[in-house]
Amino acid sequence: MSRNGISSLIYCLLICGVISTALIIKILHATGVFNG
């Protein structure tokens, strides 16, 4: 695998991690608001 491919793969993983973390925080915040 080329160095460019590895760096783009890491970049994609970072973006996916940030998006999933933001979604989890939003869901937890929404359930917290609904629960009380």
PDB file of N, CA and C in Angstrom:
ATOM      1  N   MET A   1       0.846  -1.195   0.000  1.00  0.00           N
ATOM      2  CA  MET A   1       0.000   0.000   0.000  1.00  0.00           C
ATOM      3  C   MET A   1       0.889   1.255   0.000  1.00  0.00           C
ATOM      4  N   SER A   2       0.474   2.252  -0.739  1.00  0.00           N
ATOM      5  CA  SER A   2       1.297   3.461  -0.825  1.00  0.00           C
ATOM      6  C   SER A   2       1.106   4.345   0.414  1.00  0.00           C
ATOM      7  N   ARG A   3       2.066   5.230   0.622  1.00  0.00           N
ATOM      8  CA  ARG A   3       1.983   6.112   1.784  1.00  0.00           C
ATOM      9  C   ARG A   3       0.756   7.025   1.674  1.00  0.00           C
ATOM     10  N   ASN A   4       0.454   7.466   0.469  1.00  0.00           N
ATOM     11  CA  ASN A   4      -0.700   8.342   0.271  1.00  0.00           C
ATOM     12  C   ASN A   4      -1.993   7.617   0.643  1.00  0.00           C
ATOM     13  N   GLY A   5      -2.082   6.332   0.276  1.00  0.00           N
ATOM     14  CA  GLY A   5      -3.280   5.557   0.601  1.00  0.00           C
ATOM     15  C   GLY A   5      -3.437   5.389   2.101  1.00  0.00           C
ATOM     16  N   ILE A   6      -2.317   5.146   2.797  1.00  0.00           N
ATOM     17  CA  ILE A   6      -2.382   4.963   4.251  1.00  0.00           C
ATOM     18  C   ILE A   6      -2.815   6.263   4.925  1.00  0.00           C
ATOM     19  N   SER A   7      -2.244   7.392   4.482  1.00  0.00           N
ATOM     20  CA  SER A   7      -2.603   8.672   5.105  1.00  0.00           C
ATOM     21  C   SER A   7      -4.071   9.001   4.848  1.00  0.00           C
ATOM     22  N   SER A   8      -4.576   8.708   3.653  1.00  0.00           N
ATOM     23  CA  SER A   8      -5.986   8.985   3.357  1.00  0.00           C
ATOM     24  C   SER A   8      -6.885   8.068   4.177  1.00  0.00           C
ATOM     25  N   LEU A   9      -6.432   6.822   4.420  1.00  0.00           N
ATOM     26  CA  LEU A   9      -7.216   5.890   5.229  1.00  0.00           C
ATOM     27  C   LEU A   9      -7.295   6.389   6.667  1.00  0.00           C
ATOM     28  N   ILE A  10      -6.172   6.866   7.207  1.00  0.00           N
ATOM     29  CA  ILE A  10      -6.167   7.401   8.578  1.00  0.00           C
ATOM     30  C   ILE A  10      -7.070   8.634   8.644  1.00  0.00           C
ATOM     31  N   TYR A  11      -7.008   9.474   7.618  1.00  0.00           N
ATOM     32  CA  TYR A  11      -7.835  10.678   7.567  1.00  0.00           C
ATOM     33  C   TYR A  11      -9.322  10.303   7.586  1.00  0.00           C
ATOM     34  N   CYS A  12      -9.688   9.276   6.813  1.00  0.00           N
ATOM     35  CA  CYS A  12     -11.077   8.816   6.760  1.00  0.00           C
ATOM     36  C   CYS A  12     -11.506   8.286   8.122  1.00  0.00           C
ATOM     37  N   LEU A  13     -10.625   7.517   8.769  1.00  0.00           N
ATOM     38  CA  LEU A  13     -10.950   6.968  10.088  1.00  0.00           C
ATOM     39  C   LEU A  13     -11.150   8.100  11.088  1.00  0.00           C
ATOM     40  N   LEU A  14     -10.320   9.131  11.014  1.00  0.00           N
ATOM     41  CA  LEU A  14     -10.462  10.266  11.935  1.00  0.00           C
ATOM     42  C   LEU A  14     -11.807  10.950  11.722  1.00  0.00           C
ATOM     43  N   ILE A  15     -12.188  11.165  10.463  1.00  0.00           N
ATOM     44  CA  ILE A  15     -13.466  11.822  10.166  1.00  0.00           C
ATOM     45  C   ILE A  15     -14.630  10.966  10.680  1.00  0.00           C
ATOM     46  N   CYS A  16     -14.552   9.651  10.424  1.00  0.00           N
ATOM     47  CA  CYS A  16     -15.620   8.758  10.884  1.00  0.00           C
ATOM     48  C   CYS A  16     -15.706   8.788  12.407  1.00  0.00           C
ATOM     49  N   GLY A  17     -14.571   8.818  13.090  1.00  0.00           N
ATOM     50  CA  GLY A  17     -14.558   8.852  14.557  1.00  0.00           C
ATOM     51  C   GLY A  17     -15.196  10.128  15.077  1.00  0.00           C
ATOM     52  N   VAL A  18     -14.868  11.247  14.454  1.00  0.00           N
ATOM     53  CA  VAL A  18     -15.431  12.526  14.900  1.00  0.00           C
ATOM     54  C   VAL A  18     -16.943  12.543  14.685  1.00  0.00           C
ATOM     55  N   ILE A  19     -17.388  12.062  13.529  1.00  0.00           N
ATOM     56  CA  ILE A  19     -18.826  12.056  13.224  1.00  0.00           C
ATOM     57  C   ILE A  19     -19.573  11.138  14.193  1.00  0.00           C
ATOM     58  N   SER A  20     -19.029   9.932  14.437  1.00  0.00           N
ATOM     59  CA  SER A  20     -19.706   8.995  15.339  1.00  0.00           C
ATOM     60  C   SER A  20     -19.733   9.556  16.753  1.00  0.00           C
ATOM     61  N   THR A  21     -18.647  10.210  17.186  1.00  0.00           N
ATOM     62  CA  THR A  21     -18.624  10.798  18.532  1.00  0.00           C
ATOM     63  C   THR A  21     -19.679  11.896  18.638  1.00  0.00           C
ATOM     64  N   ALA A  22     -19.789  12.730  17.614  1.00  0.00           N
ATOM     65  CA  ALA A  22     -20.780  13.804  17.630  1.00  0.00           C
ATOM     66  C   ALA A  22     -22.192  13.227  17.675  1.00  0.00           C
ATOM     67  N   LEU A  23     -22.431  12.144  16.918  1.00  0.00           N
ATOM     68  CA  LEU A  23     -23.754  11.513  16.921  1.00  0.00           C
ATOM     69  C   LEU A  23     -24.068  10.949  18.294  1.00  0.00           C
ATOM     70  N   ILE A  24     -23.089  10.267  18.922  1.00  0.00           N
ATOM     71  CA  ILE A  24     -23.316   9.679  20.247  1.00  0.00           C
ATOM     72  C   ILE A  24     -23.628  10.780  21.256  1.00  0.00           C
ATOM     73  N   ILE A  25     -22.880  11.891  21.198  1.00  0.00           N
ATOM     74  CA  ILE A  25     -23.129  12.999  22.132  1.00  0.00           C
ATOM     75  C   ILE A  25     -24.525  13.576  21.896  1.00  0.00           C
ATOM     76  N   LYS A  26     -24.905  13.727  20.634  1.00  0.00           N
ATOM     77  CA  LYS A  26     -26.245  14.259  20.334  1.00  0.00           C
ATOM     78  C   LYS A  26     -27.326  13.324  20.863  1.00  0.00           C
ATOM     79  N   ILE A  27     -27.159  12.000  20.645  1.00  0.00           N
ATOM     80  CA  ILE A  27     -28.157  11.022  21.101  1.00  0.00           C
ATOM     81  C   ILE A  27     -28.239  11.037  22.626  1.00  0.00           C
ATOM     82  N   LEU A  28     -27.069  11.039  23.291  1.00  0.00           N
ATOM     83  CA  LEU A  28     -27.064  11.057  24.760  1.00  0.00           C
ATOM     84  C   LEU A  28     -27.716  12.337  25.263  1.00  0.00           C
ATOM     85  N   HIS A  29     -27.435  13.465  24.638  1.00  0.00           N
ATOM     86  CA  HIS A  29     -28.023  14.738  25.048  1.00  0.00           C
ATOM     87  C   HIS A  29     -29.533  14.717  24.845  1.00  0.00           C
ATOM     88  N   ALA A  30     -29.980  14.165  23.705  1.00  0.00           N
ATOM     89  CA  ALA A  30     -31.416  14.097  23.414  1.00  0.00           C
ATOM     90  C   ALA A  30     -32.120  13.203  24.427  1.00  0.00           C
ATOM     91  N   THR A  31     -31.542  12.024  24.709  1.00  0.00           N
ATOM     92  CA  THR A  31     -32.183  11.118  25.667  1.00  0.00           C
ATOM     93  C   THR A  31     -32.163  11.736  27.054  1.00  0.00           C
ATOM     94  N   GLY A  32     -31.100  12.461  27.403  1.00  0.00           N
ATOM     95  CA  GLY A  32     -31.031  13.120  28.710  1.00  0.00           C
ATOM     96  C   GLY A  32     -32.129  14.163  28.827  1.00  0.00           C
ATOM     97  N   VAL A  33     -32.367  14.923  27.754  1.00  0.00           N
ATOM     98  CA  VAL A  33     -33.417  15.943  27.772  1.00  0.00           C
ATOM     99  C   VAL A  33     -34.785  15.274  27.886  1.00  0.00           C
ATOM    100  N   PHE A  34     -34.993  14.183  27.134  1.00  0.00           N
ATOM    101  CA  PHE A  34     -36.289  13.509  27.167  1.00  0.00           C
ATOM    102  C   PHE A  34     -36.525  12.841  28.515  1.00  0.00           C
ATOM    103  N   ASN A  35     -35.459  12.307  29.134  1.00  0.00           N
ATOM    104  CA  ASN A  35     -35.623  11.589  30.398  1.00  0.00           C
ATOM    105  C   ASN A  35     -35.788  12.540  31.572  1.00  0.00           C
ATOM    106  N   GLY A  36     -35.382  13.779  31.432  1.00  0.00           N
ATOM    107  CA  GLY A  36     -35.637  14.621  32.559  1.00  0.00           C
ATOM    108  C   GLY A  36     -34.765  15.839  32.624  1.00  0.00           C
TER     109      GLY A  36
END
